[in-house]
Amino acid sequence: MIKRFLVKIRHEQEGITGLETAIILIAFVIVASVFSYVVLSAGLFSSQKVKEAVVAGVESTMATVELKGDIIAKIDNGLVSEIYLCVGIPAAGSPVDFSPSSANVSPLVISYSDANNMIPSMNWTITKLSTINDDNLLDPNEMFMVTITVPTTDNISIGPYHRFSLELKPPDGPVLSITRTIPARVSGYTNLH
């Protein structure tokens, strides 16, 4: 009788065990599908953010200001009074804004530094050498000559053997850094190689 009872219990449990196994298997499939959906969504979201970062980086590097030619210094009484440089952007580049504003504040900032001085923003003007339109945006295939006025205040005197640095900082894109030394013999206009 006990033997029969044990056989009966074992047979009844086989049916229940199969049903429980099917329920557990279905639960695993549902949990796995939800988990895979979450992982795929996170992957798609992160790949979208990576794409946005790459596009922003490419746009930023396309607004690169390049030096075109030599830098010329105008010498008055043995000291530099103006610095001339020609700039352009690559053929596939994005335009860079060179417009001055009424308050002498511009999207483009030119700063000066040497061993003793640092001027965060200097006065400058542009002369359009080759243009394709009349705006103050430096477009591809255009060239502007930037005239930087060296201030006579703040004890700044750039003379022979003087080393200085200029930085052109556009609103977007990398900074163009220029470091030059004034030669020993200077004339009215000196080429700063």
N, C-alpha and C. Protein backbone atom coordinates (compact mmCIF):
# COMPACT_ATOMS: atom_id res chain seq x y z
N MET A 1 0.80 -1.15 0.00
CA MET A 1 0.00 0.00 0.00
C MET A 1 0.89 1.27 0.00
N ILE A 2 1.90 1.24 0.77
CA ILE A 2 2.81 2.39 0.78
C ILE A 2 3.47 2.49 -0.58
N LYS A 3 3.81 1.36 -1.14
CA LYS A 3 4.44 1.37 -2.45
C LYS A 3 3.52 1.99 -3.49
N ARG A 4 2.26 1.63 -3.45
CA ARG A 4 1.31 2.18 -4.37
C ARG A 4 1.13 3.69 -4.17
N PHE A 5 1.10 4.10 -2.92
CA PHE A 5 0.96 5.51 -2.61
C PHE A 5 2.14 6.32 -3.13
N LEU A 6 3.35 5.80 -2.98
CA LEU A 6 4.54 6.49 -3.47
C LEU A 6 4.53 6.56 -4.99
N VAL A 7 4.11 5.50 -5.64
CA VAL A 7 4.02 5.51 -7.10
C VAL A 7 2.99 6.54 -7.55
N LYS A 8 1.86 6.58 -6.86
CA LYS A 8 0.81 7.53 -7.20
C LYS A 8 1.30 8.98 -7.03
N ILE A 9 2.00 9.27 -5.95
CA ILE A 9 2.52 10.62 -5.72
C ILE A 9 3.53 10.99 -6.81
N ARG A 10 4.40 10.03 -7.14
CA ARG A 10 5.41 10.30 -8.16
C ARG A 10 4.77 10.58 -9.50
N HIS A 11 3.75 9.88 -9.87
CA HIS A 11 3.07 10.10 -11.14
C HIS A 11 2.34 11.44 -11.16
N GLU A 12 1.72 11.83 -10.06
CA GLU A 12 1.03 13.11 -10.00
C GLU A 12 2.02 14.27 -10.07
N GLN A 13 3.18 14.11 -9.49
CA GLN A 13 4.17 15.18 -9.49
C GLN A 13 4.79 15.36 -10.86
N GLU A 14 4.84 14.37 -11.67
CA GLU A 14 5.41 14.52 -12.99
C GLU A 14 4.60 15.50 -13.82
N GLY A 15 3.31 15.46 -13.73
CA GLY A 15 2.47 16.40 -14.46
C GLY A 15 2.64 17.82 -13.95
N ILE A 16 2.69 17.97 -12.66
CA ILE A 16 2.88 19.29 -12.06
C ILE A 16 4.27 19.80 -12.38
N THR A 17 5.26 18.96 -12.33
CA THR A 17 6.63 19.37 -12.62
C THR A 17 6.74 19.84 -14.06
N GLY A 18 6.10 19.19 -15.00
CA GLY A 18 6.12 19.62 -16.39
C GLY A 18 5.45 20.98 -16.57
N LEU A 19 4.34 21.21 -15.87
CA LEU A 19 3.65 22.50 -15.94
C LEU A 19 4.49 23.60 -15.31
N GLU A 20 5.10 23.31 -14.16
CA GLU A 20 5.97 24.29 -13.51
C GLU A 20 7.17 24.63 -14.39
N THR A 21 7.72 23.63 -15.03
CA THR A 21 8.87 23.85 -15.91
C THR A 21 8.48 24.72 -17.08
N ALA A 22 7.32 24.51 -17.64
CA ALA A 22 6.87 25.34 -18.76
C ALA A 22 6.66 26.79 -18.31
N ILE A 23 6.09 26.99 -17.12
CA ILE A 23 5.89 28.34 -16.60
C ILE A 23 7.23 29.03 -16.37
N ILE A 24 8.15 28.33 -15.78
CA ILE A 24 9.49 28.89 -15.52
C ILE A 24 10.19 29.21 -16.83
N LEU A 25 10.07 28.35 -17.82
CA LEU A 25 10.68 28.59 -19.13
C LEU A 25 10.08 29.83 -19.79
N ILE A 26 8.77 29.97 -19.71
CA ILE A 26 8.12 31.16 -20.27
C ILE A 26 8.58 32.41 -19.52
N ALA A 27 8.71 32.35 -18.22
CA ALA A 27 9.17 33.49 -17.43
C ALA A 27 10.60 33.86 -17.84
N PHE A 28 11.47 32.88 -18.01
CA PHE A 28 12.83 33.15 -18.46
C PHE A 28 12.85 33.82 -19.83
N VAL A 29 12.02 33.36 -20.75
CA VAL A 29 11.96 33.95 -22.08
C VAL A 29 11.50 35.40 -22.00
N ILE A 30 10.49 35.68 -21.18
CA ILE A 30 9.99 37.04 -21.04
C ILE A 30 11.06 37.94 -20.41
N VAL A 31 11.69 37.48 -19.35
CA VAL A 31 12.75 38.27 -18.70
C VAL A 31 13.90 38.50 -19.68
N ALA A 32 14.29 37.49 -20.43
CA ALA A 32 15.38 37.64 -21.40
C ALA A 32 15.00 38.63 -22.49
N SER A 33 13.76 38.60 -22.96
CA SER A 33 13.36 39.53 -24.01
C SER A 33 13.33 40.97 -23.47
N VAL A 34 12.85 41.17 -22.25
CA VAL A 34 12.86 42.51 -21.66
C VAL A 34 14.29 42.99 -21.47
N PHE A 35 15.16 42.13 -20.97
CA PHE A 35 16.57 42.49 -20.78
C PHE A 35 17.24 42.84 -22.11
N SER A 36 16.98 42.04 -23.15
CA SER A 36 17.58 42.34 -24.45
C SER A 36 17.04 43.64 -25.02
N TYR A 37 15.76 43.94 -24.80
CA TYR A 37 15.19 45.21 -25.25
C TYR A 37 15.88 46.37 -24.55
N VAL A 38 16.10 46.26 -23.24
CA VAL A 38 16.78 47.31 -22.48
C VAL A 38 18.20 47.49 -22.99
N VAL A 39 18.92 46.41 -23.21
CA VAL A 39 20.30 46.48 -23.69
C VAL A 39 20.35 47.10 -25.08
N LEU A 40 19.46 46.70 -25.97
CA LEU A 40 19.43 47.27 -27.32
C LEU A 40 19.08 48.75 -27.29
N SER A 41 18.12 49.13 -26.44
CA SER A 41 17.75 50.55 -26.34
C SER A 41 18.92 51.38 -25.84
N ALA A 42 19.61 50.86 -24.83
CA ALA A 42 20.77 51.58 -24.30
C ALA A 42 21.87 51.67 -25.36
N GLY A 43 22.07 50.62 -26.11
CA GLY A 43 23.08 50.64 -27.18
C GLY A 43 22.72 51.64 -28.27
N LEU A 44 21.46 51.67 -28.67
CA LEU A 44 21.04 52.63 -29.69
C LEU A 44 21.17 54.06 -29.18
N PHE A 45 20.81 54.30 -27.90
CA PHE A 45 20.92 55.63 -27.32
C PHE A 45 22.38 56.07 -27.27
N SER A 46 23.27 55.18 -26.81
CA SER A 46 24.69 55.55 -26.72
C SER A 46 25.30 55.74 -28.10
N SER A 47 24.90 54.94 -29.08
CA SER A 47 25.44 55.14 -30.43
C SER A 47 24.95 56.46 -31.03
N GLN A 48 23.73 56.89 -30.70
CA GLN A 48 23.22 58.18 -31.15
C GLN A 48 24.03 59.30 -30.52
N LYS A 49 24.36 59.19 -29.23
CA LYS A 49 25.16 60.21 -28.55
C LYS A 49 26.57 60.25 -29.14
N VAL A 50 27.14 59.10 -29.46
CA VAL A 50 28.47 59.06 -30.08
C VAL A 50 28.43 59.75 -31.44
N LYS A 51 27.37 59.50 -32.20
CA LYS A 51 27.23 60.13 -33.52
C LYS A 51 27.14 61.65 -33.37
N GLU A 52 26.36 62.13 -32.39
CA GLU A 52 26.25 63.57 -32.16
C GLU A 52 27.60 64.17 -31.78
N ALA A 53 28.37 63.47 -30.95
CA ALA A 53 29.69 63.97 -30.54
C ALA A 53 30.64 64.03 -31.73
N VAL A 54 30.60 63.03 -32.59
CA VAL A 54 31.47 63.01 -33.77
C VAL A 54 31.09 64.15 -34.72
N VAL A 55 29.80 64.35 -34.95
CA VAL A 55 29.35 65.42 -35.84
C VAL A 55 29.76 66.79 -35.27
N ALA A 56 29.60 66.98 -33.97
CA ALA A 56 30.00 68.25 -33.35
C ALA A 56 31.51 68.45 -33.46
N GLY A 57 32.30 67.39 -33.30
CA GLY A 57 33.74 67.50 -33.44
C GLY A 57 34.16 67.83 -34.85
N VAL A 58 33.52 67.21 -35.83
CA VAL A 58 33.84 67.51 -37.23
C VAL A 58 33.47 68.95 -37.57
N GLU A 59 32.30 69.41 -37.11
CA GLU A 59 31.91 70.80 -37.36
C GLU A 59 32.90 71.77 -36.72
N SER A 60 33.37 71.43 -35.52
CA SER A 60 34.31 72.30 -34.82
C SER A 60 35.65 72.37 -35.56
N THR A 61 36.13 71.26 -36.06
CA THR A 61 37.42 71.28 -36.76
C THR A 61 37.30 71.88 -38.15
N MET A 62 36.09 71.95 -38.69
CA MET A 62 35.93 72.55 -40.02
C MET A 62 36.01 74.07 -39.95
N ALA A 63 35.87 74.66 -38.75
CA ALA A 63 35.95 76.11 -38.59
C ALA A 63 37.37 76.51 -38.19
N THR A 64 38.35 75.95 -38.85
CA THR A 64 39.74 76.19 -38.52
C THR A 64 40.26 77.40 -39.27
N VAL A 65 40.83 78.35 -38.53
CA VAL A 65 41.47 79.51 -39.14
C VAL A 65 42.92 79.14 -39.39
N GLU A 66 43.39 79.35 -40.63
CA GLU A 66 44.76 79.02 -41.00
C GLU A 66 45.51 80.29 -41.36
N LEU A 67 46.78 80.28 -41.04
CA LEU A 67 47.66 81.38 -41.43
C LEU A 67 48.04 81.19 -42.89
N LYS A 68 47.87 82.23 -43.69
CA LYS A 68 48.20 82.17 -45.12
C LYS A 68 49.31 83.18 -45.39
N GLY A 69 50.52 82.72 -45.45
CA GLY A 69 51.64 83.61 -45.75
C GLY A 69 52.39 84.04 -44.50
N ASP A 70 53.21 85.07 -44.68
CA ASP A 70 54.08 85.55 -43.60
C ASP A 70 53.36 86.54 -42.70
N ILE A 71 53.98 86.78 -41.57
CA ILE A 71 53.51 87.79 -40.63
C ILE A 71 54.45 88.99 -40.76
N ILE A 72 53.87 90.16 -40.93
CA ILE A 72 54.65 91.39 -41.13
C ILE A 72 54.42 92.31 -39.93
N ALA A 73 55.50 92.90 -39.41
CA ALA A 73 55.40 93.86 -38.32
C ALA A 73 55.77 95.24 -38.84
N LYS A 74 54.96 96.22 -38.50
CA LYS A 74 55.25 97.61 -38.84
C LYS A 74 56.03 98.21 -37.67
N ILE A 75 57.22 98.74 -37.98
CA ILE A 75 58.12 99.27 -36.96
C ILE A 75 58.09 100.80 -37.01
N ASP A 76 57.80 101.44 -35.88
CA ASP A 76 57.88 102.89 -35.73
C ASP A 76 58.80 103.20 -34.56
N ASN A 77 59.87 103.97 -34.83
CA ASN A 77 60.84 104.35 -33.79
C ASN A 77 61.43 103.14 -33.08
N GLY A 78 61.70 102.07 -33.82
CA GLY A 78 62.33 100.88 -33.27
C GLY A 78 61.39 99.94 -32.54
N LEU A 79 60.08 100.24 -32.48
CA LEU A 79 59.11 99.40 -31.78
C LEU A 79 57.99 99.01 -32.73
N VAL A 80 57.41 97.84 -32.51
CA VAL A 80 56.31 97.35 -33.33
C VAL A 80 55.04 98.13 -32.97
N SER A 81 54.38 98.68 -33.99
CA SER A 81 53.12 99.40 -33.77
C SER A 81 51.92 98.62 -34.31
N GLU A 82 52.13 97.84 -35.37
CA GLU A 82 51.05 97.02 -35.95
C GLU A 82 51.62 95.70 -36.43
N ILE A 83 50.76 94.69 -36.41
CA ILE A 83 51.13 93.36 -36.90
C ILE A 83 50.10 92.97 -37.95
N TYR A 84 50.58 92.52 -39.11
CA TYR A 84 49.70 92.14 -40.22
C TYR A 84 49.83 90.63 -40.46
N LEU A 85 48.70 89.96 -40.59
CA LEU A 85 48.72 88.55 -40.94
C LEU A 85 47.53 88.23 -41.81
N CYS A 86 47.72 87.32 -42.76
CA CYS A 86 46.65 86.90 -43.66
C CYS A 86 46.12 85.55 -43.19
N VAL A 87 44.79 85.42 -43.18
CA VAL A 87 44.16 84.19 -42.71
C VAL A 87 43.15 83.69 -43.74
N GLY A 88 42.90 82.42 -43.69
CA GLY A 88 41.90 81.76 -44.53
C GLY A 88 41.41 80.53 -43.80
N ILE A 89 40.51 79.78 -44.44
CA ILE A 89 40.04 78.51 -43.89
C ILE A 89 40.17 77.45 -44.98
N PRO A 90 40.19 76.17 -44.61
CA PRO A 90 40.31 75.11 -45.62
C PRO A 90 39.15 75.14 -46.61
N ALA A 91 39.35 74.51 -47.75
CA ALA A 91 38.35 74.50 -48.81
C ALA A 91 37.02 73.90 -48.36
N ALA A 92 37.06 72.89 -47.51
CA ALA A 92 35.82 72.26 -47.04
C ALA A 92 35.41 72.79 -45.68
N GLY A 93 36.00 73.91 -45.26
CA GLY A 93 35.75 74.44 -43.93
C GLY A 93 34.44 75.19 -43.79
N SER A 94 34.10 75.45 -42.54
CA SER A 94 32.91 76.23 -42.22
C SER A 94 33.30 77.69 -42.04
N PRO A 95 32.42 78.63 -42.37
CA PRO A 95 32.74 80.06 -42.23
C PRO A 95 33.06 80.46 -40.79
N VAL A 96 33.94 81.44 -40.65
CA VAL A 96 34.32 81.99 -39.35
C VAL A 96 33.93 83.46 -39.34
N ASP A 97 33.27 83.88 -38.28
CA ASP A 97 32.75 85.24 -38.19
C ASP A 97 33.84 86.22 -37.74
N PHE A 98 34.14 87.21 -38.59
CA PHE A 98 35.10 88.26 -38.29
C PHE A 98 34.39 89.61 -38.14
N SER A 99 33.09 89.62 -37.80
CA SER A 99 32.39 90.90 -37.74
C SER A 99 32.66 91.61 -36.43
N PRO A 100 33.03 92.87 -36.52
CA PRO A 100 33.15 93.67 -35.30
C PRO A 100 31.76 94.12 -34.86
N SER A 101 31.61 94.40 -33.59
CA SER A 101 30.33 94.90 -33.11
C SER A 101 30.48 96.35 -32.67
N SER A 102 29.38 96.97 -32.34
CA SER A 102 29.41 98.39 -31.99
C SER A 102 30.13 98.64 -30.66
N ALA A 103 30.14 97.67 -29.77
CA ALA A 103 30.78 97.85 -28.46
C ALA A 103 32.22 97.35 -28.48
N ASN A 104 32.82 97.23 -29.66
CA ASN A 104 34.19 96.73 -29.82
C ASN A 104 34.33 95.32 -29.25
N VAL A 105 33.26 94.55 -29.33
CA VAL A 105 33.28 93.16 -28.93
C VAL A 105 32.96 92.35 -30.17
N SER A 106 33.75 91.33 -30.42
CA SER A 106 33.58 90.54 -31.64
C SER A 106 33.52 89.07 -31.29
N PRO A 107 32.92 88.25 -32.15
CA PRO A 107 32.96 86.80 -31.92
C PRO A 107 34.40 86.27 -31.94
N LEU A 108 35.28 86.92 -32.70
CA LEU A 108 36.69 86.50 -32.78
C LEU A 108 37.49 87.36 -31.81
N VAL A 109 38.28 86.72 -30.97
CA VAL A 109 39.10 87.42 -29.99
C VAL A 109 40.56 87.15 -30.31
N ILE A 110 41.37 88.22 -30.31
CA ILE A 110 42.82 88.08 -30.50
C ILE A 110 43.48 88.53 -29.20
N SER A 111 44.28 87.63 -28.61
CA SER A 111 44.96 87.97 -27.36
C SER A 111 46.46 87.99 -27.57
N TYR A 112 47.15 88.71 -26.70
CA TYR A 112 48.60 88.92 -26.78
C TYR A 112 49.23 88.49 -25.46
N SER A 113 50.42 87.90 -25.55
CA SER A 113 51.17 87.59 -24.33
C SER A 113 52.66 87.59 -24.65
N ASP A 114 53.45 87.98 -23.66
CA ASP A 114 54.91 87.87 -23.71
C ASP A 114 55.38 87.54 -22.31
N ALA A 115 56.66 87.67 -22.05
CA ALA A 115 57.19 87.30 -20.74
C ALA A 115 56.67 88.20 -19.62
N ASN A 116 56.29 89.43 -19.94
CA ASN A 116 55.90 90.38 -18.90
C ASN A 116 54.45 90.84 -18.97
N ASN A 117 53.77 90.59 -20.08
CA ASN A 117 52.43 91.14 -20.27
C ASN A 117 51.48 90.08 -20.82
N MET A 118 50.18 90.33 -20.55
CA MET A 118 49.14 89.50 -21.13
C MET A 118 47.92 90.39 -21.35
N ILE A 119 47.49 90.49 -22.61
CA ILE A 119 46.31 91.26 -22.97
C ILE A 119 45.28 90.29 -23.52
N PRO A 120 44.15 90.12 -22.84
CA PRO A 120 43.17 89.11 -23.28
C PRO A 120 42.46 89.44 -24.58
N SER A 121 42.34 90.75 -24.92
CA SER A 121 41.65 91.12 -26.16
C SER A 121 42.30 92.37 -26.73
N MET A 122 42.79 92.25 -27.97
CA MET A 122 43.44 93.39 -28.63
C MET A 122 42.53 93.95 -29.71
N ASN A 123 42.77 95.20 -30.08
CA ASN A 123 42.02 95.83 -31.17
C ASN A 123 42.58 95.35 -32.50
N TRP A 124 41.68 95.07 -33.43
CA TRP A 124 42.09 94.60 -34.76
C TRP A 124 41.06 95.02 -35.78
N THR A 125 41.51 95.03 -37.03
CA THR A 125 40.61 95.31 -38.17
C THR A 125 40.92 94.29 -39.26
N ILE A 126 40.00 94.20 -40.24
CA ILE A 126 40.26 93.30 -41.36
C ILE A 126 40.25 94.08 -42.66
N THR A 127 41.03 93.58 -43.59
CA THR A 127 40.99 94.04 -44.97
C THR A 127 40.70 92.81 -45.81
N LYS A 128 39.65 92.86 -46.61
CA LYS A 128 39.26 91.71 -47.42
C LYS A 128 40.13 91.68 -48.67
N LEU A 129 41.00 90.66 -48.77
CA LEU A 129 41.90 90.55 -49.91
C LEU A 129 41.24 89.82 -51.08
N SER A 130 40.62 88.71 -50.79
CA SER A 130 39.86 88.00 -51.84
C SER A 130 38.56 87.53 -51.21
N THR A 131 37.46 87.94 -51.83
CA THR A 131 36.15 87.60 -51.26
C THR A 131 35.22 87.07 -52.34
N ILE A 132 34.21 86.36 -51.88
CA ILE A 132 33.18 85.88 -52.80
C ILE A 132 31.83 86.52 -52.48
N ASN A 133 31.77 87.27 -51.35
CA ASN A 133 30.56 88.00 -50.99
C ASN A 133 30.95 89.20 -50.12
N ASP A 134 29.98 89.98 -49.68
CA ASP A 134 30.27 91.21 -48.97
C ASP A 134 30.15 91.11 -47.45
N ASP A 135 29.90 89.93 -46.92
CA ASP A 135 29.75 89.84 -45.47
C ASP A 135 31.12 89.73 -44.79
N ASN A 136 31.11 89.70 -43.47
CA ASN A 136 32.35 89.60 -42.69
C ASN A 136 32.64 88.17 -42.26
N LEU A 137 32.01 87.21 -42.91
CA LEU A 137 32.30 85.80 -42.66
C LEU A 137 33.46 85.38 -43.56
N LEU A 138 34.45 84.77 -42.96
CA LEU A 138 35.57 84.23 -43.74
C LEU A 138 35.14 82.88 -44.27
N ASP A 139 34.81 82.84 -45.57
CA ASP A 139 34.32 81.63 -46.22
C ASP A 139 35.48 80.90 -46.88
N PRO A 140 35.25 79.63 -47.30
CA PRO A 140 36.29 78.97 -48.09
C PRO A 140 36.61 79.79 -49.34
N ASN A 141 37.83 79.76 -49.75
CA ASN A 141 38.34 80.49 -50.92
C ASN A 141 38.35 82.01 -50.71
N GLU A 142 38.28 82.46 -49.46
CA GLU A 142 38.43 83.88 -49.15
C GLU A 142 39.68 84.06 -48.31
N MET A 143 40.22 85.29 -48.35
CA MET A 143 41.39 85.60 -47.54
C MET A 143 41.23 87.00 -46.97
N PHE A 144 41.45 87.12 -45.66
CA PHE A 144 41.39 88.40 -44.98
C PHE A 144 42.78 88.73 -44.43
N MET A 145 43.14 90.01 -44.49
CA MET A 145 44.34 90.47 -43.81
C MET A 145 43.89 91.10 -42.50
N VAL A 146 44.42 90.59 -41.39
CA VAL A 146 44.08 91.10 -40.06
C VAL A 146 45.18 92.05 -39.63
N THR A 147 44.80 93.27 -39.27
CA THR A 147 45.75 94.27 -38.76
C THR A 147 45.53 94.39 -37.26
N ILE A 148 46.54 94.01 -36.49
CA ILE A 148 46.46 94.04 -35.03
C ILE A 148 47.23 95.27 -34.55
N THR A 149 46.57 96.11 -33.80
CA THR A 149 47.19 97.32 -33.28
C THR A 149 47.80 97.01 -31.92
N VAL A 150 49.12 97.25 -31.81
CA VAL A 150 49.82 97.02 -30.54
C VAL A 150 49.56 98.24 -29.65
N PRO A 151 49.01 98.03 -28.47
CA PRO A 151 48.69 99.19 -27.61
C PRO A 151 49.96 99.87 -27.10
N THR A 152 49.86 101.15 -26.90
CA THR A 152 50.99 101.90 -26.36
C THR A 152 50.92 102.01 -24.85
N THR A 153 49.84 101.52 -24.27
CA THR A 153 49.70 101.53 -22.81
C THR A 153 50.17 100.20 -22.24
N ASP A 154 50.04 100.02 -20.96
CA ASP A 154 50.38 98.77 -20.25
C ASP A 154 51.86 98.40 -20.38
N ASN A 155 52.73 99.38 -20.63
CA ASN A 155 54.18 99.14 -20.71
C ASN A 155 54.54 98.09 -21.74
N ILE A 156 53.82 98.03 -22.84
CA ILE A 156 54.13 97.06 -23.89
C ILE A 156 55.01 97.75 -24.92
N SER A 157 56.19 97.21 -25.10
CA SER A 157 57.09 97.72 -26.14
C SER A 157 57.77 96.52 -26.78
N ILE A 158 57.38 96.26 -28.02
CA ILE A 158 57.93 95.10 -28.74
C ILE A 158 59.06 95.62 -29.62
N GLY A 159 60.28 95.27 -29.24
CA GLY A 159 61.45 95.72 -29.99
C GLY A 159 62.32 94.54 -30.38
N PRO A 160 63.57 94.81 -30.82
CA PRO A 160 64.47 93.74 -31.24
C PRO A 160 64.65 92.68 -30.14
N TYR A 161 64.71 91.43 -30.57
CA TYR A 161 64.89 90.24 -29.73
C TYR A 161 63.69 89.96 -28.82
N HIS A 162 62.62 90.67 -29.00
CA HIS A 162 61.44 90.50 -28.16
C HIS A 162 60.61 89.33 -28.70
N ARG A 163 60.26 88.38 -27.83
CA ARG A 163 59.45 87.22 -28.21
C ARG A 163 58.03 87.43 -27.69
N PHE A 164 57.05 87.20 -28.55
CA PHE A 164 55.65 87.39 -28.16
C PHE A 164 54.79 86.32 -28.81
N SER A 165 53.56 86.21 -28.30
CA SER A 165 52.60 85.23 -28.83
C SER A 165 51.26 85.91 -29.05
N LEU A 166 50.61 85.50 -30.13
CA LEU A 166 49.25 85.93 -30.44
C LEU A 166 48.37 84.70 -30.53
N GLU A 167 47.12 84.83 -30.10
CA GLU A 167 46.16 83.75 -30.23
C GLU A 167 44.90 84.29 -30.89
N LEU A 168 44.49 83.69 -32.00
CA LEU A 168 43.22 84.02 -32.65
C LEU A 168 42.21 82.98 -32.18
N LYS A 169 41.18 83.44 -31.49
CA LYS A 169 40.20 82.54 -30.90
C LYS A 169 38.84 82.75 -31.56
N PRO A 170 38.50 81.90 -32.54
CA PRO A 170 37.17 82.02 -33.17
C PRO A 170 36.09 81.49 -32.23
N PRO A 171 34.82 81.83 -32.50
CA PRO A 171 33.75 81.34 -31.62
C PRO A 171 33.64 79.82 -31.62
N ASP A 172 33.93 79.18 -32.74
CA ASP A 172 33.96 77.71 -32.84
C ASP A 172 35.29 77.31 -33.43
N GLY A 173 35.73 76.13 -33.11
CA GLY A 173 36.95 75.63 -33.70
C GLY A 173 38.17 75.90 -32.85
N PRO A 174 39.30 75.36 -33.29
CA PRO A 174 40.53 75.47 -32.50
C PRO A 174 41.12 76.88 -32.56
N VAL A 175 41.98 77.15 -31.59
CA VAL A 175 42.67 78.44 -31.48
C VAL A 175 43.91 78.40 -32.38
N LEU A 176 44.16 79.50 -33.09
CA LEU A 176 45.38 79.62 -33.90
C LEU A 176 46.41 80.35 -33.06
N SER A 177 47.47 79.66 -32.68
CA SER A 177 48.54 80.24 -31.86
C SER A 177 49.72 80.60 -32.74
N ILE A 178 50.24 81.80 -32.54
CA ILE A 178 51.38 82.29 -33.32
C ILE A 178 52.41 82.83 -32.34
N THR A 179 53.64 82.34 -32.43
CA THR A 179 54.73 82.84 -31.58
C THR A 179 55.85 83.30 -32.50
N ARG A 180 56.32 84.52 -32.30
CA ARG A 180 57.37 85.09 -33.13
C ARG A 180 58.36 85.86 -32.27
N THR A 181 59.57 86.06 -32.83
CA THR A 181 60.60 86.88 -32.21
C THR A 181 61.01 87.95 -33.19
N ILE A 182 61.11 89.19 -32.70
CA ILE A 182 61.52 90.31 -33.54
C ILE A 182 63.03 90.17 -33.79
N PRO A 183 63.46 90.26 -35.05
CA PRO A 183 64.90 90.13 -35.32
C PRO A 183 65.68 91.34 -34.80
N ALA A 184 67.02 91.20 -34.82
CA ALA A 184 67.90 92.26 -34.30
C ALA A 184 67.85 93.50 -35.17
N ARG A 185 67.84 93.32 -36.49
CA ARG A 185 67.80 94.46 -37.40
C ARG A 185 66.40 94.58 -37.96
N VAL A 186 65.81 95.72 -37.70
CA VAL A 186 64.44 95.94 -38.15
C VAL A 186 64.39 97.15 -39.07
N SER A 187 63.42 97.11 -39.97
CA SER A 187 63.19 98.24 -40.87
C SER A 187 61.74 98.66 -40.71
N GLY A 188 61.23 99.47 -41.61
CA GLY A 188 59.85 99.95 -41.52
C GLY A 188 58.84 98.83 -41.47
N TYR A 189 59.01 97.81 -42.31
CA TYR A 189 58.17 96.63 -42.31
C TYR A 189 59.08 95.42 -42.26
N THR A 190 58.92 94.60 -41.23
CA THR A 190 59.81 93.46 -41.01
C THR A 190 59.02 92.17 -41.12
N ASN A 191 59.56 91.22 -41.88
CA ASN A 191 58.94 89.90 -42.03
C ASN A 191 59.31 89.06 -40.82
N LEU A 192 58.32 88.55 -40.12
CA LEU A 192 58.54 87.69 -38.96
C LEU A 192 58.33 86.24 -39.37
N HIS A 193 59.33 85.65 -39.90
CA HIS A 193 59.24 84.27 -40.45
C HIS A 193 58.70 83.30 -39.45
